[in-house]
């Protein structure tokens, strides 16, 4: 299962317990925002469903108004191994607990971003993107058809608690044409061309929003593959 956040009209720990101040503040912003809406919310909640993990605690766990459903929020500040986010997400799915992965973003990246005039959009050019971020972006796919993919990833500014709805778009690099010699000494030439970078993306941010302004809308997740990434099926779960 995946979650839509929508705005209203030794063994290596998966998440290091040597937390940064930004990570601690990020969790506190989510905790405060959930409680401001009258929801029960706790941090560092031990979960039996993560029994196979070195770190068995959810960063922030939020209960539905009737107390019957739980939703986990994982705040990510450091680079996460792809296999770790997949394994941990699978654990949440097995326990019927939807999980939202939230990426902390440096305030300077937002301040330096290009503001699209007349909108609440900002564009971060040449954003270094790791495999786990691409995976989490597509995991947050709201709806998918053969022609449409609407992945997204939420970002949190740990300085002021503002949240940004983000989309990762392909970033293209240019390769100049030129001449070269092969192993036999024969001269060749190639034309210049553009290609999609594996390291960078263009990040489009919409916002900012306060967590207390957002509604939580779980939805069904179909099992599928997206290139090299695999996503497990999960039943629908509402709150």
C-alpha atoms as a PDB file:
ATOM      1  CA  UNK A   1       0.000   0.000   0.000  1.00  0.00           C
ATOM      2  CA  UNK A   2       1.111   3.542  -0.487  1.00  0.00           C
ATOM      3  CA  UNK A   3      -0.132   6.838   0.849  1.00  0.00           C
ATOM      4  CA  UNK A   4      -1.220  10.024  -0.800  1.00  0.00           C
ATOM      5  CA  UNK A   5      -0.693  13.184   1.197  1.00  0.00           C
ATOM      6  CA  UNK A   6      -2.949  15.726  -0.419  1.00  0.00           C
ATOM      7  CA  UNK A   7      -3.504  19.377   0.381  1.00  0.00           C
ATOM      8  CA  UNK A   8      -7.072  20.515   1.213  1.00  0.00           C
ATOM      9  CA  UNK A   9      -9.235  23.004  -0.992  1.00  0.00           C
ATOM     10  CA  UNK A  10      26.699  -5.159  13.376  1.00  0.00           C
ATOM     11  CA  UNK A  11      23.726  -5.380  11.395  1.00  0.00           C
ATOM     12  CA  UNK A  12      23.348  -2.009   9.895  1.00  0.00           C
ATOM     13  CA  UNK A  13      20.339  -0.050  11.101  1.00  0.00           C
ATOM     14  CA  UNK A  14      17.971   1.015   8.346  1.00  0.00           C
ATOM     15  CA  UNK A  15      17.593   4.391  10.025  1.00  0.00           C
ATOM     16  CA  UNK A  16      20.519   5.373  12.179  1.00  0.00           C
ATOM     17  CA  UNK A  17      19.779   5.921  15.831  1.00  0.00           C
ATOM     18  CA  UNK A  18      22.582   8.437  15.928  1.00  0.00           C
ATOM     19  CA  UNK A  19      20.085  11.004  14.823  1.00  0.00           C
ATOM     20  CA  UNK A  20      20.956  14.397  13.442  1.00  0.00           C
ATOM     21  CA  UNK A  21      19.313  17.530  14.860  1.00  0.00           C
ATOM     22  CA  UNK A  22      17.494  17.910  11.518  1.00  0.00           C
ATOM     23  CA  UNK A  23      16.045  14.417  11.800  1.00  0.00           C
ATOM     24  CA  UNK A  24      14.858  15.035  15.347  1.00  0.00           C
ATOM     25  CA  UNK A  25      13.245  18.349  14.368  1.00  0.00           C
ATOM     26  CA  UNK A  26      11.607  16.738  11.346  1.00  0.00           C
ATOM     27  CA  UNK A  27       9.950  14.098  13.509  1.00  0.00           C
ATOM     28  CA  UNK A  28       8.833  16.740  15.988  1.00  0.00           C
ATOM     29  CA  UNK A  29       7.190  18.800  13.226  1.00  0.00           C
ATOM     30  CA  UNK A  30       5.215  15.758  12.048  1.00  0.00           C
ATOM     31  CA  UNK A  31       4.268  14.795  15.594  1.00  0.00           C
ATOM     32  CA  UNK A  32       3.078  18.307  16.435  1.00  0.00           C
ATOM     33  CA  UNK A  33       1.199  18.645  13.145  1.00  0.00           C
ATOM     34  CA  UNK A  34      -0.683  15.378  13.623  1.00  0.00           C
ATOM     35  CA  UNK A  35      -1.625  16.199  17.194  1.00  0.00           C
ATOM     36  CA  UNK A  36      -2.778  19.663  16.136  1.00  0.00           C
ATOM     37  CA  UNK A  37      -5.424  17.877  14.080  1.00  0.00           C
ATOM     38  CA  UNK A  38      -6.581  15.917  17.109  1.00  0.00           C
ATOM     39  CA  UNK A  39      -4.943  12.666  16.041  1.00  0.00           C
ATOM     40  CA  UNK A  40      -3.040  10.374  18.329  1.00  0.00           C
ATOM     41  CA  UNK A  41       0.613  10.386  17.316  1.00  0.00           C
ATOM     42  CA  UNK A  42       3.783   9.001  18.894  1.00  0.00           C
ATOM     43  CA  UNK A  43       7.460   8.861  17.954  1.00  0.00           C
ATOM     44  CA  UNK A  44       9.904   5.955  18.144  1.00  0.00           C
ATOM     45  CA  UNK A  45       7.129   3.379  18.403  1.00  0.00           C
ATOM     46  CA  UNK A  46       8.368  -0.243  18.527  1.00  0.00           C
ATOM     47  CA  UNK A  47       6.593  -2.406  15.936  1.00  0.00           C
ATOM     48  CA  UNK A  48       6.352  -6.169  16.060  1.00  0.00           C
ATOM     49  CA  UNK A  49       5.901  -6.286  12.271  1.00  0.00           C
ATOM     50  CA  UNK A  50       9.511  -5.169  11.845  1.00  0.00           C
ATOM     51  CA  UNK A  51      10.842  -8.133  13.797  1.00  0.00           C
ATOM     52  CA  UNK A  52      13.420  -8.872  11.118  1.00  0.00           C
ATOM     53  CA  UNK A  53      14.909  -5.394  11.303  1.00  0.00           C
ATOM     54  CA  UNK A  54      17.746  -4.181  13.480  1.00  0.00           C
ATOM     55  CA  UNK A  55      15.736  -0.985  13.934  1.00  0.00           C
ATOM     56  CA  UNK A  56      12.142  -1.904  14.791  1.00  0.00           C
ATOM     57  CA  UNK A  57      10.796   1.567  15.521  1.00  0.00           C
ATOM     58  CA  UNK A  58       8.644   3.846  13.394  1.00  0.00           C
ATOM     59  CA  UNK A  59       9.808   7.463  13.353  1.00  0.00           C
ATOM     60  CA  UNK A  60       6.243   8.731  13.760  1.00  0.00           C
ATOM     61  CA  UNK A  61       3.130   6.576  14.078  1.00  0.00           C
ATOM     62  CA  UNK A  62      -0.298   8.175  13.619  1.00  0.00           C
ATOM     63  CA  UNK A  63      -3.632   6.576  14.508  1.00  0.00           C
ATOM     64  CA  UNK A  64      -6.871   7.121  12.595  1.00  0.00           C
ATOM     65  CA  UNK A  65      -9.634   9.049  14.420  1.00  0.00           C
ATOM     66  CA  UNK A  66     -11.353   5.799  15.450  1.00  0.00           C
ATOM     67  CA  UNK A  67      -8.037   4.334  16.595  1.00  0.00           C
ATOM     68  CA  UNK A  68      -8.366   1.241  14.414  1.00  0.00           C
ATOM     69  CA  UNK A  69      -5.763   2.080  11.764  1.00  0.00           C
ATOM     70  CA  UNK A  70      -2.134   3.121  12.013  1.00  0.00           C
ATOM     71  CA  UNK A  71       0.077   4.940   9.508  1.00  0.00           C
ATOM     72  CA  UNK A  72       3.851   5.193   9.761  1.00  0.00           C
ATOM     73  CA  UNK A  73       5.943   8.177   8.702  1.00  0.00           C
ATOM     74  CA  UNK A  74       9.633   7.601   8.095  1.00  0.00           C
ATOM     75  CA  UNK A  75      11.819  10.707   7.975  1.00  0.00           C
ATOM     76  CA  UNK A  76      14.945  10.132   5.920  1.00  0.00           C
ATOM     77  CA  UNK A  77      17.986  12.386   6.272  1.00  0.00           C
ATOM     78  CA  UNK A  78      20.887  10.190   5.159  1.00  0.00           C
ATOM     79  CA  UNK A  79      21.398   8.047   2.080  1.00  0.00           C
ATOM     80  CA  UNK A  80      19.415   4.825   2.404  1.00  0.00           C
ATOM     81  CA  UNK A  81      20.325   1.591   0.666  1.00  0.00           C
ATOM     82  CA  UNK A  82      17.708   0.549  -1.873  1.00  0.00           C
ATOM     83  CA  UNK A  83      17.453  -2.951  -0.415  1.00  0.00           C
ATOM     84  CA  UNK A  84      16.759  -1.451   3.025  1.00  0.00           C
ATOM     85  CA  UNK A  85      13.833   0.755   1.989  1.00  0.00           C
ATOM     86  CA  UNK A  86      12.321  -2.140   0.039  1.00  0.00           C
ATOM     87  CA  UNK A  87      12.686  -4.569   2.946  1.00  0.00           C
ATOM     88  CA  UNK A  88      11.355  -2.134   5.526  1.00  0.00           C
ATOM     89  CA  UNK A  89       8.427  -1.111   3.342  1.00  0.00           C
ATOM     90  CA  UNK A  90       7.606  -4.784   2.781  1.00  0.00           C
ATOM     91  CA  UNK A  91       7.485  -5.227   6.561  1.00  0.00           C
ATOM     92  CA  UNK A  92       4.967  -2.419   6.911  1.00  0.00           C
ATOM     93  CA  UNK A  93       2.870  -3.846   4.078  1.00  0.00           C
ATOM     94  CA  UNK A  94       2.855  -7.278   5.732  1.00  0.00           C
ATOM     95  CA  UNK A  95       1.542  -5.650   8.909  1.00  0.00           C
ATOM     96  CA  UNK A  96      -1.156  -3.666   7.025  1.00  0.00           C
ATOM     97  CA  UNK A  97       0.433  -0.379   8.075  1.00  0.00           C
ATOM     98  CA  UNK A  98       0.810   2.149   5.245  1.00  0.00           C
ATOM     99  CA  UNK A  99       4.125   3.981   5.280  1.00  0.00           C
ATOM    100  CA  UNK A 100       5.077   7.415   3.972  1.00  0.00           C
ATOM    101  CA  UNK A 101       8.729   8.110   3.262  1.00  0.00           C
ATOM    102  CA  UNK A 102       9.586  11.787   3.743  1.00  0.00           C
ATOM    103  CA  UNK A 103      12.864  13.244   2.575  1.00  0.00           C
ATOM    104  CA  UNK A 104      14.544  16.090   4.448  1.00  0.00           C
ATOM    105  CA  UNK A 105      15.731  18.820   2.118  1.00  0.00           C
ATOM    106  CA  UNK A 106      18.319  21.490   2.835  1.00  0.00           C
ATOM    107  CA  UNK A 107      16.693  24.929   3.246  1.00  0.00           C
ATOM    108  CA  UNK A 108      19.324  26.419   0.925  1.00  0.00           C
ATOM    109  CA  UNK A 109      18.167  24.196  -1.923  1.00  0.00           C
ATOM    110  CA  UNK A 110      14.690  25.652  -1.569  1.00  0.00           C
ATOM    111  CA  UNK A 111      15.946  29.220  -1.169  1.00  0.00           C
ATOM    112  CA  UNK A 112      18.118  28.919  -4.291  1.00  0.00           C
ATOM    113  CA  UNK A 113      15.430  27.188  -6.370  1.00  0.00           C
ATOM    114  CA  UNK A 114      13.898  28.929  -9.375  1.00  0.00           C
ATOM    115  CA  UNK A 115      10.450  30.356  -8.563  1.00  0.00           C
ATOM    116  CA  UNK A 116       7.899  29.874 -11.328  1.00  0.00           C
ATOM    117  CA  UNK A 117       6.127  33.223 -11.603  1.00  0.00           C
ATOM    118  CA  UNK A 118       2.417  33.199 -10.770  1.00  0.00           C
ATOM    119  CA  UNK A 119       2.521  29.724  -9.170  1.00  0.00           C
ATOM    120  CA  UNK A 120       3.506  28.039  -5.931  1.00  0.00           C
ATOM    121  CA  UNK A 121       6.111  25.988  -7.776  1.00  0.00           C
ATOM    122  CA  UNK A 122       9.875  25.997  -7.424  1.00  0.00           C
ATOM    123  CA  UNK A 123      12.391  24.151  -9.575  1.00  0.00           C
ATOM    124  CA  UNK A 124      15.633  22.717  -8.201  1.00  0.00           C
ATOM    125  CA  UNK A 125      17.982  22.156 -11.118  1.00  0.00           C
ATOM    126  CA  UNK A 126      20.476  19.272 -11.128  1.00  0.00           C
ATOM    127  CA  UNK A 127      19.213  17.670  -7.904  1.00  0.00           C
ATOM    128  CA  UNK A 128      21.445  14.773  -6.818  1.00  0.00           C
ATOM    129  CA  UNK A 129      19.067  11.817  -6.619  1.00  0.00           C
ATOM    130  CA  UNK A 130      19.765   8.457  -5.016  1.00  0.00           C
ATOM    131  CA  UNK A 131      18.200   5.114  -5.909  1.00  0.00           C
ATOM    132  CA  UNK A 132      16.022   5.037  -2.772  1.00  0.00           C
ATOM    133  CA  UNK A 133      14.542   8.429  -3.694  1.00  0.00           C
ATOM    134  CA  UNK A 134      13.607   7.240  -7.183  1.00  0.00           C
ATOM    135  CA  UNK A 135      12.065   4.124  -5.629  1.00  0.00           C
ATOM    136  CA  UNK A 136      10.091   6.095  -3.011  1.00  0.00           C
ATOM    137  CA  UNK A 137       8.997   8.561  -5.701  1.00  0.00           C
ATOM    138  CA  UNK A 138       7.412   5.790  -7.763  1.00  0.00           C
ATOM    139  CA  UNK A 139       6.059   4.053  -4.661  1.00  0.00           C
ATOM    140  CA  UNK A 140       4.011   7.207  -4.074  1.00  0.00           C
ATOM    141  CA  UNK A 141       2.342   6.795  -7.468  1.00  0.00           C
ATOM    142  CA  UNK A 142      -1.232   8.063  -7.041  1.00  0.00           C
ATOM    143  CA  UNK A 143      -2.616   6.402 -10.157  1.00  0.00           C
ATOM    144  CA  UNK A 144      -1.039   4.484 -12.987  1.00  0.00           C
ATOM    145  CA  UNK A 145      -2.239   3.547 -16.457  1.00  0.00           C
ATOM    146  CA  UNK A 146      -0.309   2.520 -19.527  1.00  0.00           C
ATOM    147  CA  UNK A 147       0.111   6.176 -20.437  1.00  0.00           C
ATOM    148  CA  UNK A 148       0.179   7.887 -17.071  1.00  0.00           C
ATOM    149  CA  UNK A 149       2.565   7.748 -14.150  1.00  0.00           C
ATOM    150  CA  UNK A 150       2.177  10.226 -11.307  1.00  0.00           C
ATOM    151  CA  UNK A 151       4.871   9.387  -8.833  1.00  0.00           C
ATOM    152  CA  UNK A 152       5.685  11.897  -6.129  1.00  0.00           C
ATOM    153  CA  UNK A 153       7.774  12.336  -3.001  1.00  0.00           C
ATOM    154  CA  UNK A 154       7.198  14.611  -0.033  1.00  0.00           C
ATOM    155  CA  UNK A 155      10.020  16.797   1.250  1.00  0.00           C
ATOM    156  CA  UNK A 156      10.315  18.456   4.658  1.00  0.00           C
ATOM    157  CA  UNK A 157      12.302  21.588   5.471  1.00  0.00           C
ATOM    158  CA  UNK A 158      13.745  20.777   8.916  1.00  0.00           C
ATOM    159  CA  UNK A 159      14.359  24.446   9.642  1.00  0.00           C
ATOM    160  CA  UNK A 160      10.740  25.617   9.682  1.00  0.00           C
ATOM    161  CA  UNK A 161       8.671  22.437   9.274  1.00  0.00           C
ATOM    162  CA  UNK A 162       7.305  23.366   5.866  1.00  0.00           C
ATOM    163  CA  UNK A 163       6.453  20.507   3.516  1.00  0.00           C
ATOM    164  CA  UNK A 164       6.835  20.421  -0.242  1.00  0.00           C
ATOM    165  CA  UNK A 165       5.146  18.134  -2.743  1.00  0.00           C
ATOM    166  CA  UNK A 166       7.914  17.031  -5.110  1.00  0.00           C
ATOM    167  CA  UNK A 167       8.256  15.444  -8.530  1.00  0.00           C
ATOM    168  CA  UNK A 168      11.494  14.025  -9.908  1.00  0.00           C
ATOM    169  CA  UNK A 169      11.908  14.624 -13.636  1.00  0.00           C
ATOM    170  CA  UNK A 170      14.679  13.469 -15.922  1.00  0.00           C
ATOM    171  CA  UNK A 171      17.725  15.714 -16.094  1.00  0.00           C
ATOM    172  CA  UNK A 172      19.560  15.716 -19.410  1.00  0.00           C
ATOM    173  CA  UNK A 173      23.279  16.086 -19.983  1.00  0.00           C
ATOM    174  CA  UNK A 174      24.911  17.031 -23.270  1.00  0.00           C
ATOM    175  CA  UNK A 175      27.719  15.045 -24.871  1.00  0.00           C
ATOM    176  CA  UNK A 176      29.759  16.993 -27.384  1.00  0.00           C
ATOM    177  CA  UNK A 177      30.546  15.401 -30.702  1.00  0.00           C
ATOM    178  CA  UNK A 178      34.110  14.802 -31.774  1.00  0.00           C
ATOM    179  CA  UNK A 179      36.671  12.583 -33.411  1.00  0.00           C
ATOM    180  CA  UNK A 180      38.353   9.512 -31.964  1.00  0.00           C
ATOM    181  CA  UNK A 181      40.613   6.670 -33.031  1.00  0.00           C
ATOM    182  CA  UNK A 182      39.808   3.015 -32.496  1.00  0.00           C
ATOM    183  CA  UNK A 183      42.305   0.339 -31.459  1.00  0.00           C
ATOM    184  CA  UNK A 184      43.416  -0.149 -35.062  1.00  0.00           C
ATOM    185  CA  UNK A 185      44.196   3.534 -35.461  1.00  0.00           C
ATOM    186  CA  UNK A 186      41.248   4.258 -37.753  1.00  0.00           C
ATOM    187  CA  UNK A 187      39.655   7.659 -37.230  1.00  0.00           C
ATOM    188  CA  UNK A 188      35.932   7.984 -36.452  1.00  0.00           C
ATOM    189  CA  UNK A 189      33.596  10.783 -35.481  1.00  0.00           C
ATOM    190  CA  UNK A 190      30.350  11.022 -33.560  1.00  0.00           C
ATOM    191  CA  UNK A 191      27.639  13.654 -33.361  1.00  0.00           C
ATOM    192  CA  UNK A 192      26.722  15.461 -30.171  1.00  0.00           C
ATOM    193  CA  UNK A 193      23.687  14.196 -28.274  1.00  0.00           C
ATOM    194  CA  UNK A 194      21.634  14.542 -25.082  1.00  0.00           C
ATOM    195  CA  UNK A 195      21.116  11.747 -22.569  1.00  0.00           C
ATOM    196  CA  UNK A 196      19.250  11.295 -19.285  1.00  0.00           C
ATOM    197  CA  UNK A 197      21.479  11.455 -16.219  1.00  0.00           C
ATOM    198  CA  UNK A 198      21.424   8.561 -13.749  1.00  0.00           C
ATOM    199  CA  UNK A 199      22.763  10.763 -10.952  1.00  0.00           C
ATOM    200  CA  UNK A 200      20.744  13.941 -11.261  1.00  0.00           C
ATOM    201  CA  UNK A 201      17.100  14.895 -11.691  1.00  0.00           C
ATOM    202  CA  UNK A 202      15.113  18.090 -12.054  1.00  0.00           C
ATOM    203  CA  UNK A 203      13.108  18.483  -8.856  1.00  0.00           C
ATOM    204  CA  UNK A 204       9.811  20.373  -9.063  1.00  0.00           C
ATOM    205  CA  UNK A 205       8.449  21.461  -5.675  1.00  0.00           C
ATOM    206  CA  UNK A 206       4.915  22.596  -4.906  1.00  0.00           C
ATOM    207  CA  UNK A 207       4.231  24.393  -1.648  1.00  0.00           C
ATOM    208  CA  UNK A 208       4.961  25.106   1.048  1.00  0.00           C
ATOM    209  CA  UNK A 209       2.384  23.393   3.267  1.00  0.00           C
ATOM    210  CA  UNK A 210       2.121  22.700   6.955  1.00  0.00           C
ATOM    211  CA  UNK A 211       1.605  19.077   7.935  1.00  0.00           C
ATOM    212  CA  UNK A 212      -1.569  20.092   9.767  1.00  0.00           C
ATOM    213  CA  UNK A 213      -2.984  21.261   6.388  1.00  0.00           C
ATOM    214  CA  UNK A 214      -2.590  17.869   4.719  1.00  0.00           C
ATOM    215  CA  UNK A 215      -5.003  14.984   4.676  1.00  0.00           C
ATOM    216  CA  UNK A 216      -3.926  11.369   4.707  1.00  0.00           C
ATOM    217  CA  UNK A 217      -5.464   9.239   1.986  1.00  0.00           C
ATOM    218  CA  UNK A 218      -4.284   5.623   1.767  1.00  0.00           C
ATOM    219  CA  UNK A 219      -4.984   3.803  -1.475  1.00  0.00           C
ATOM    220  CA  UNK A 220      -4.586   0.387  -3.018  1.00  0.00           C
ATOM    221  CA  UNK A 221      -1.157  -0.572  -4.318  1.00  0.00           C
ATOM    222  CA  UNK A 222      -0.973  -3.022  -7.194  1.00  0.00           C
ATOM    223  CA  UNK A 223       2.114  -5.165  -7.496  1.00  0.00           C
ATOM    224  CA  UNK A 224       4.227  -4.135 -10.474  1.00  0.00           C
ATOM    225  CA  UNK A 225       7.685  -3.574 -11.838  1.00  0.00           C
ATOM    226  CA  UNK A 226       9.019  -0.218 -12.921  1.00  0.00           C
ATOM    227  CA  UNK A 227      12.287  -0.769 -14.733  1.00  0.00           C
ATOM    228  CA  UNK A 228      14.660  -2.319 -12.205  1.00  0.00           C
ATOM    229  CA  UNK A 229      12.311  -1.545  -9.291  1.00  0.00           C
ATOM    230  CA  UNK A 230       9.713  -3.927  -7.910  1.00  0.00           C
ATOM    231  CA  UNK A 231       6.678  -2.894  -5.885  1.00  0.00           C
ATOM    232  CA  UNK A 232       4.627  -5.350  -3.848  1.00  0.00           C
ATOM    233  CA  UNK A 233       0.866  -5.478  -3.871  1.00  0.00           C
ATOM    234  CA  UNK A 234      -0.974  -4.303  -0.768  1.00  0.00           C
ATOM    235  CA  UNK A 235      -4.656  -4.262   0.157  1.00  0.00           C
ATOM    236  CA  UNK A 236      -6.537  -0.973   0.472  1.00  0.00           C
ATOM    237  CA  UNK A 237      -6.523   0.607   3.911  1.00  0.00           C
ATOM    238  CA  UNK A 238      -8.436   3.713   4.922  1.00  0.00           C
ATOM    239  CA  UNK A 239      -8.382   5.962   7.939  1.00  0.00           C
END
